[in-house]
Amino acid sequence: MESGSKKSLSRSLGEFFGHIWKGVKEPVEPEKRIVRQQTVEEERQTPAGKVIVRRTVVEEMELQPPPKP
């Protein structure tokens, strides 16, 4: 068996549990939901030519996970 060609069982187990531990340690991001999205577009004529004015409003909700006991 060559050195570095194959991982040992203990290394594979360590990587496996390391990925699980990383998932447990990292904070949970709040879930975001878009409630409403509204876009208003208007064309205006200027001396330099036609200009499009666009206004976008996005309303979001952030759902925080419940605190751990």
PDB file of N, CA and C in Angstrom:
ATOM      1  N   MET A   1       0.837  -1.174   0.000  1.00  0.00           N
ATOM      2  CA  MET A   1       0.000   0.000   0.000  1.00  0.00           C
ATOM      3  C   MET A   1       0.890   1.249   0.000  1.00  0.00           C
ATOM      4  N   GLU A   2       0.677   2.141  -0.972  1.00  0.00           N
ATOM      5  CA  GLU A   2       1.476   3.347  -1.082  1.00  0.00           C
ATOM      6  C   GLU A   2       1.009   4.395  -0.086  1.00  0.00           C
ATOM      7  N   SER A   3       1.920   5.220   0.335  1.00  0.00           N
ATOM      8  CA  SER A   3       1.583   6.301   1.255  1.00  0.00           C
ATOM      9  C   SER A   3       0.787   7.377   0.512  1.00  0.00           C
ATOM     10  N   GLY A   4      -0.386   7.748   1.014  1.00  0.00           N
ATOM     11  CA  GLY A   4      -1.200   8.794   0.411  1.00  0.00           C
ATOM     12  C   GLY A   4      -2.146   8.312  -0.663  1.00  0.00           C
ATOM     13  N   SER A   5      -2.083   7.046  -1.050  1.00  0.00           N
ATOM     14  CA  SER A   5      -2.972   6.579  -2.104  1.00  0.00           C
ATOM     15  C   SER A   5      -4.353   6.223  -1.574  1.00  0.00           C
ATOM     16  N   LYS A   6      -4.440   5.884  -0.297  1.00  0.00           N
ATOM     17  CA  LYS A   6      -5.716   5.478   0.285  1.00  0.00           C
ATOM     18  C   LYS A   6      -5.793   6.005   1.710  1.00  0.00           C
ATOM     19  N   LYS A   7      -6.953   6.521   2.107  1.00  0.00           N
ATOM     20  CA  LYS A   7      -7.123   7.030   3.466  1.00  0.00           C
ATOM     21  C   LYS A   7      -7.335   5.868   4.427  1.00  0.00           C
ATOM     22  N   SER A   8      -6.832   6.059   5.627  1.00  0.00           N
ATOM     23  CA  SER A   8      -7.041   5.038   6.644  1.00  0.00           C
ATOM     24  C   SER A   8      -8.465   5.143   7.186  1.00  0.00           C
ATOM     25  N   LEU A   9      -8.892   4.092   7.847  1.00  0.00           N
ATOM     26  CA  LEU A   9     -10.243   4.071   8.424  1.00  0.00           C
ATOM     27  C   LEU A   9     -10.394   5.156   9.477  1.00  0.00           C
ATOM     28  N   SER A  10      -9.376   5.341  10.307  1.00  0.00           N
ATOM     29  CA  SER A  10      -9.477   6.352  11.363  1.00  0.00           C
ATOM     30  C   SER A  10      -9.555   7.763  10.767  1.00  0.00           C
ATOM     31  N   ARG A  11      -8.834   8.021   9.687  1.00  0.00           N
ATOM     32  CA  ARG A  11      -8.914   9.343   9.049  1.00  0.00           C
ATOM     33  C   ARG A  11     -10.293   9.569   8.445  1.00  0.00           C
ATOM     34  N   SER A  12     -10.836   8.554   7.777  1.00  0.00           N
ATOM     35  CA  SER A  12     -12.170   8.676   7.179  1.00  0.00           C
ATOM     36  C   SER A  12     -13.226   8.916   8.247  1.00  0.00           C
ATOM     37  N   LEU A  13     -13.139   8.208   9.365  1.00  0.00           N
ATOM     38  CA  LEU A  13     -14.087   8.417  10.460  1.00  0.00           C
ATOM     39  C   LEU A  13     -13.942   9.820  11.052  1.00  0.00           C
ATOM     40  N   GLY A  14     -12.702  10.287  11.195  1.00  0.00           N
ATOM     41  CA  GLY A  14     -12.480  11.632  11.711  1.00  0.00           C
ATOM     42  C   GLY A  14     -13.080  12.699  10.804  1.00  0.00           C
ATOM     43  N   GLU A  15     -12.914  12.558   9.497  1.00  0.00           N
ATOM     44  CA  GLU A  15     -13.510  13.511   8.557  1.00  0.00           C
ATOM     45  C   GLU A  15     -15.030  13.458   8.627  1.00  0.00           C
ATOM     46  N   PHE A  16     -15.586  12.258   8.732  1.00  0.00           N
ATOM     47  CA  PHE A  16     -17.042  12.095   8.796  1.00  0.00           C
ATOM     48  C   PHE A  16     -17.611  12.821  10.010  1.00  0.00           C
ATOM     49  N   PHE A  17     -17.040  12.541  11.186  1.00  0.00           N
ATOM     50  CA  PHE A  17     -17.553  13.181  12.402  1.00  0.00           C
ATOM     51  C   PHE A  17     -17.209  14.673  12.434  1.00  0.00           C
ATOM     52  N   GLY A  18     -16.139  15.072  11.767  1.00  0.00           N
ATOM     53  CA  GLY A  18     -15.818  16.492  11.665  1.00  0.00           C
ATOM     54  C   GLY A  18     -16.875  17.257  10.884  1.00  0.00           C
ATOM     55  N   HIS A  19     -17.391  16.657   9.807  1.00  0.00           N
ATOM     56  CA  HIS A  19     -18.466  17.306   9.042  1.00  0.00           C
ATOM     57  C   HIS A  19     -19.739  17.406   9.871  1.00  0.00           C
ATOM     58  N   ILE A  20     -20.042  16.369  10.629  1.00  0.00           N
ATOM     59  CA  ILE A  20     -21.227  16.411  11.493  1.00  0.00           C
ATOM     60  C   ILE A  20     -21.063  17.484  12.556  1.00  0.00           C
ATOM     61  N   TRP A  21     -19.891  17.542  13.185  1.00  0.00           N
ATOM     62  CA  TRP A  21     -19.646  18.533  14.236  1.00  0.00           C
ATOM     63  C   TRP A  21     -19.736  19.956  13.685  1.00  0.00           C
ATOM     64  N   LYS A  22     -19.241  20.174  12.495  1.00  0.00           N
ATOM     65  CA  LYS A  22     -19.316  21.501  11.867  1.00  0.00           C
ATOM     66  C   LYS A  22     -20.774  21.910  11.663  1.00  0.00           C
ATOM     67  N   GLY A  23     -21.613  20.967  11.237  1.00  0.00           N
ATOM     68  CA  GLY A  23     -23.026  21.263  11.049  1.00  0.00           C
ATOM     69  C   GLY A  23     -23.736  21.575  12.346  1.00  0.00           C
ATOM     70  N   VAL A  24     -23.319  20.967  13.444  1.00  0.00           N
ATOM     71  CA  VAL A  24     -23.935  21.213  14.751  1.00  0.00           C
ATOM     72  C   VAL A  24     -23.494  22.555  15.310  1.00  0.00           C
ATOM     73  N   LYS A  25     -22.232  22.928  15.112  1.00  0.00           N
ATOM     74  CA  LYS A  25     -21.681  24.154  15.687  1.00  0.00           C
ATOM     75  C   LYS A  25     -22.163  25.420  14.988  1.00  0.00           C
ATOM     76  N   GLU A  26     -22.329  25.397  13.681  1.00  0.00           N
ATOM     77  CA  GLU A  26     -22.647  26.618  12.941  1.00  0.00           C
ATOM     78  C   GLU A  26     -24.069  27.070  13.233  1.00  0.00           C
ATOM     79  N   PRO A  27     -24.268  28.382  13.382  1.00  0.00           N
ATOM     80  CA  PRO A  27     -25.612  28.889  13.665  1.00  0.00           C
ATOM     81  C   PRO A  27     -26.544  28.687  12.470  1.00  0.00           C
ATOM     82  N   VAL A  28     -27.811  28.565  12.778  1.00  0.00           N
ATOM     83  CA  VAL A  28     -28.823  28.370  11.740  1.00  0.00           C
ATOM     84  C   VAL A  28     -29.230  29.740  11.212  1.00  0.00           C
ATOM     85  N   GLU A  29     -29.195  29.898   9.902  1.00  0.00           N
ATOM     86  CA  GLU A  29     -29.611  31.146   9.274  1.00  0.00           C
ATOM     87  C   GLU A  29     -31.135  31.269   9.368  1.00  0.00           C
ATOM     88  N   PRO A  30     -31.643  32.473   9.623  1.00  0.00           N
ATOM     89  CA  PRO A  30     -33.091  32.630   9.630  1.00  0.00           C
ATOM     90  C   PRO A  30     -33.660  32.421   8.225  1.00  0.00           C
ATOM     91  N   GLU A  31     -34.840  31.836   8.173  1.00  0.00           N
ATOM     92  CA  GLU A  31     -35.489  31.602   6.884  1.00  0.00           C
ATOM     93  C   GLU A  31     -36.106  32.908   6.399  1.00  0.00           C
ATOM     94  N   LYS A  32     -35.853  33.255   5.142  1.00  0.00           N
ATOM     95  CA  LYS A  32     -36.392  34.487   4.577  1.00  0.00           C
ATOM     96  C   LYS A  32     -37.457  34.146   3.550  1.00  0.00           C
ATOM     97  N   ARG A  33     -38.578  34.839   3.638  1.00  0.00           N
ATOM     98  CA  ARG A  33     -39.655  34.667   2.666  1.00  0.00           C
ATOM     99  C   ARG A  33     -40.031  36.026   2.110  1.00  0.00           C
ATOM    100  N   ILE A  34     -40.200  36.086   0.790  1.00  0.00           N
ATOM    101  CA  ILE A  34     -40.641  37.324   0.149  1.00  0.00           C
ATOM    102  C   ILE A  34     -42.157  37.351   0.224  1.00  0.00           C
ATOM    103  N   VAL A  35     -42.689  38.390   0.884  1.00  0.00           N
ATOM    104  CA  VAL A  35     -44.133  38.530   1.062  1.00  0.00           C
ATOM    105  C   VAL A  35     -44.743  39.215  -0.149  1.00  0.00           C
ATOM    106  N   ARG A  36     -44.084  40.277  -0.598  1.00  0.00           N
ATOM    107  CA  ARG A  36     -44.624  41.035  -1.725  1.00  0.00           C
ATOM    108  C   ARG A  36     -43.476  41.681  -2.470  1.00  0.00           C
ATOM    109  N   GLN A  37     -43.596  41.703  -3.787  1.00  0.00           N
ATOM    110  CA  GLN A  37     -42.602  42.377  -4.623  1.00  0.00           C
ATOM    111  C   GLN A  37     -43.361  43.200  -5.650  1.00  0.00           C
ATOM    112  N   GLN A  38     -43.082  44.484  -5.665  1.00  0.00           N
ATOM    113  CA  GLN A  38     -43.807  45.401  -6.545  1.00  0.00           C
ATOM    114  C   GLN A  38     -42.792  46.219  -7.341  1.00  0.00           C
ATOM    115  N   THR A  39     -42.986  46.287  -8.664  1.00  0.00           N
ATOM    116  CA  THR A  39     -42.118  47.073  -9.532  1.00  0.00           C
ATOM    117  C   THR A  39     -42.968  48.073 -10.302  1.00  0.00           C
ATOM    118  N   VAL A  40     -42.557  49.335 -10.242  1.00  0.00           N
ATOM    119  CA  VAL A  40     -43.230  50.398 -10.986  1.00  0.00           C
ATOM    120  C   VAL A  40     -42.211  50.962 -11.970  1.00  0.00           C
ATOM    121  N   GLU A  41     -42.602  51.036 -13.241  1.00  0.00           N
ATOM    122  CA  GLU A  41     -41.692  51.489 -14.282  1.00  0.00           C
ATOM    123  C   GLU A  41     -42.327  52.668 -15.011  1.00  0.00           C
ATOM    124  N   GLU A  42     -41.524  53.685 -15.272  1.00  0.00           N
ATOM    125  CA  GLU A  42     -42.037  54.889 -15.927  1.00  0.00           C
ATOM    126  C   GLU A  42     -40.999  55.373 -16.949  1.00  0.00           C
ATOM    127  N   GLU A  43     -41.456  55.743 -18.135  1.00  0.00           N
ATOM    128  CA  GLU A  43     -40.568  56.287 -19.159  1.00  0.00           C
ATOM    129  C   GLU A  43     -40.706  57.803 -19.178  1.00  0.00           C
ATOM    130  N   ARG A  44     -39.577  58.475 -19.221  1.00  0.00           N
ATOM    131  CA  ARG A  44     -39.580  59.939 -19.274  1.00  0.00           C
ATOM    132  C   ARG A  44     -38.713  60.385 -20.440  1.00  0.00           C
ATOM    133  N   GLN A  45     -39.161  61.435 -21.072  1.00  0.00           N
ATOM    134  CA  GLN A  45     -38.406  62.014 -22.188  1.00  0.00           C
ATOM    135  C   GLN A  45     -37.546  63.151 -21.658  1.00  0.00           C
ATOM    136  N   THR A  46     -36.258  63.128 -21.934  1.00  0.00           N
ATOM    137  CA  THR A  46     -35.336  64.169 -21.506  1.00  0.00           C
ATOM    138  C   THR A  46     -34.616  64.715 -22.735  1.00  0.00           C
ATOM    139  N   PRO A  47     -33.920  65.832 -22.608  1.00  0.00           N
ATOM    140  CA  PRO A  47     -33.165  66.357 -23.745  1.00  0.00           C
ATOM    141  C   PRO A  47     -32.097  65.371 -24.235  1.00  0.00           C
ATOM    142  N   ALA A  48     -31.618  64.482 -23.354  1.00  0.00           N
ATOM    143  CA  ALA A  48     -30.610  63.501 -23.744  1.00  0.00           C
ATOM    144  C   ALA A  48     -31.238  62.244 -24.349  1.00  0.00           C
ATOM    145  N   GLY A  49     -32.541  62.143 -24.316  1.00  0.00           N
ATOM    146  CA  GLY A  49     -33.232  60.968 -24.857  1.00  0.00           C
ATOM    147  C   GLY A  49     -34.175  60.356 -23.832  1.00  0.00           C
ATOM    148  N   LYS A  50     -34.678  59.196 -24.189  1.00  0.00           N
ATOM    149  CA  LYS A  50     -35.638  58.516 -23.318  1.00  0.00           C
ATOM    150  C   LYS A  50     -34.921  57.894 -22.121  1.00  0.00           C
ATOM    151  N   VAL A  51     -35.522  58.050 -20.926  1.00  0.00           N
ATOM    152  CA  VAL A  51     -34.991  57.496 -19.682  1.00  0.00           C
ATOM    153  C   VAL A  51     -36.078  56.656 -19.041  1.00  0.00           C
ATOM    154  N   ILE A  52     -35.692  55.470 -18.540  1.00  0.00           N
ATOM    155  CA  ILE A  52     -36.637  54.608 -17.831  1.00  0.00           C
ATOM    156  C   ILE A  52     -36.322  54.697 -16.347  1.00  0.00           C
ATOM    157  N   VAL A  53     -37.348  55.081 -15.565  1.00  0.00           N
ATOM    158  CA  VAL A  53     -37.221  55.147 -14.112  1.00  0.00           C
ATOM    159  C   VAL A  53     -37.955  53.935 -13.547  1.00  0.00           C
ATOM    160  N   ARG A  54     -37.233  53.142 -12.748  1.00  0.00           N
ATOM    161  CA  ARG A  54     -37.815  51.914 -12.208  1.00  0.00           C
ATOM    162  C   ARG A  54     -37.682  51.931 -10.689  1.00  0.00           C
ATOM    163  N   ARG A  55     -38.783  51.631  -9.995  1.00  0.00           N
ATOM    164  CA  ARG A  55     -38.793  51.575  -8.538  1.00  0.00           C
ATOM    165  C   ARG A  55     -39.264  50.175  -8.140  1.00  0.00           C
ATOM    166  N   THR A  56     -38.478  49.479  -7.334  1.00  0.00           N
ATOM    167  CA  THR A  56     -38.818  48.127  -6.900  1.00  0.00           C
ATOM    168  C   THR A  56     -38.887  48.095  -5.383  1.00  0.00           C
ATOM    169  N   VAL A  57     -39.978  47.552  -4.854  1.00  0.00           N
ATOM    170  CA  VAL A  57     -40.169  47.402  -3.416  1.00  0.00           C
ATOM    171  C   VAL A  57     -40.292  45.911  -3.124  1.00  0.00           C
ATOM    172  N   VAL A  58     -39.469  45.419  -2.200  1.00  0.00           N
ATOM    173  CA  VAL A  58     -39.513  44.015  -1.806  1.00  0.00           C
ATOM    174  C   VAL A  58     -39.767  43.955  -0.306  1.00  0.00           C
ATOM    175  N   GLU A  59     -40.810  43.257   0.097  1.00  0.00           N
ATOM    176  CA  GLU A  59     -41.106  43.052   1.512  1.00  0.00           C
ATOM    177  C   GLU A  59     -40.748  41.613   1.859  1.00  0.00           C
ATOM    178  N   GLU A  60     -39.914  41.463   2.885  1.00  0.00           N
ATOM    179  CA  GLU A  60     -39.471  40.137   3.304  1.00  0.00           C
ATOM    180  C   GLU A  60     -39.845  39.891   4.763  1.00  0.00           C
ATOM    181  N   MET A  61     -39.957  38.607   5.098  1.00  0.00           N
ATOM    182  CA  MET A  61     -40.144  38.184   6.484  1.00  0.00           C
ATOM    183  C   MET A  61     -38.968  37.293   6.834  1.00  0.00           C
ATOM    184  N   GLU A  62     -38.404  37.481   8.031  1.00  0.00           N
ATOM    185  CA  GLU A  62     -37.367  36.597   8.530  1.00  0.00           C
ATOM    186  C   GLU A  62     -37.963  35.792   9.659  1.00  0.00           C
ATOM    187  N   LEU A  63     -37.959  34.469   9.485  1.00  0.00           N
ATOM    188  CA  LEU A  63     -38.487  33.575  10.505  1.00  0.00           C
ATOM    189  C   LEU A  63     -37.312  33.048  11.309  1.00  0.00           C
ATOM    190  N   GLN A  64     -37.205  33.496  12.558  1.00  0.00           N
ATOM    191  CA  GLN A  64     -36.119  33.088  13.436  1.00  0.00           C
ATOM    192  C   GLN A  64     -36.426  31.708  14.006  1.00  0.00           C
ATOM    193  N   PRO A  65     -35.432  30.823  14.061  1.00  0.00           N
ATOM    194  CA  PRO A  65     -35.671  29.518  14.670  1.00  0.00           C
ATOM    195  C   PRO A  65     -35.904  29.687  16.169  1.00  0.00           C
ATOM    196  N   PRO A  66     -36.690  28.806  16.775  1.00  0.00           N
ATOM    197  CA  PRO A  66     -36.944  28.932  18.213  1.00  0.00           C
ATOM    198  C   PRO A  66     -35.652  28.716  18.999  1.00  0.00           C
ATOM    199  N   PRO A  67     -35.510  29.392  20.142  1.00  0.00           N
ATOM    200  CA  PRO A  67     -34.283  29.227  20.923  1.00  0.00           C
ATOM    201  C   PRO A  67     -34.176  27.814  21.480  1.00  0.00           C
ATOM    202  N   LYS A  68     -32.931  27.346  21.581  1.00  0.00           N
ATOM    203  CA  LYS A  68     -32.700  25.999  22.107  1.00  0.00           C
ATOM    204  C   LYS A  68     -32.847  26.021  23.631  1.00  0.00           C
ATOM    205  N   PRO A  69     -33.472  25.003  24.192  1.00  0.00           N
ATOM    206  CA  PRO A  69     -33.644  24.966  25.666  1.00  0.00           C
ATOM    207  C   PRO A  69     -32.351  24.719  26.401  1.00  0.00           C
TER     208      PRO A  69
END
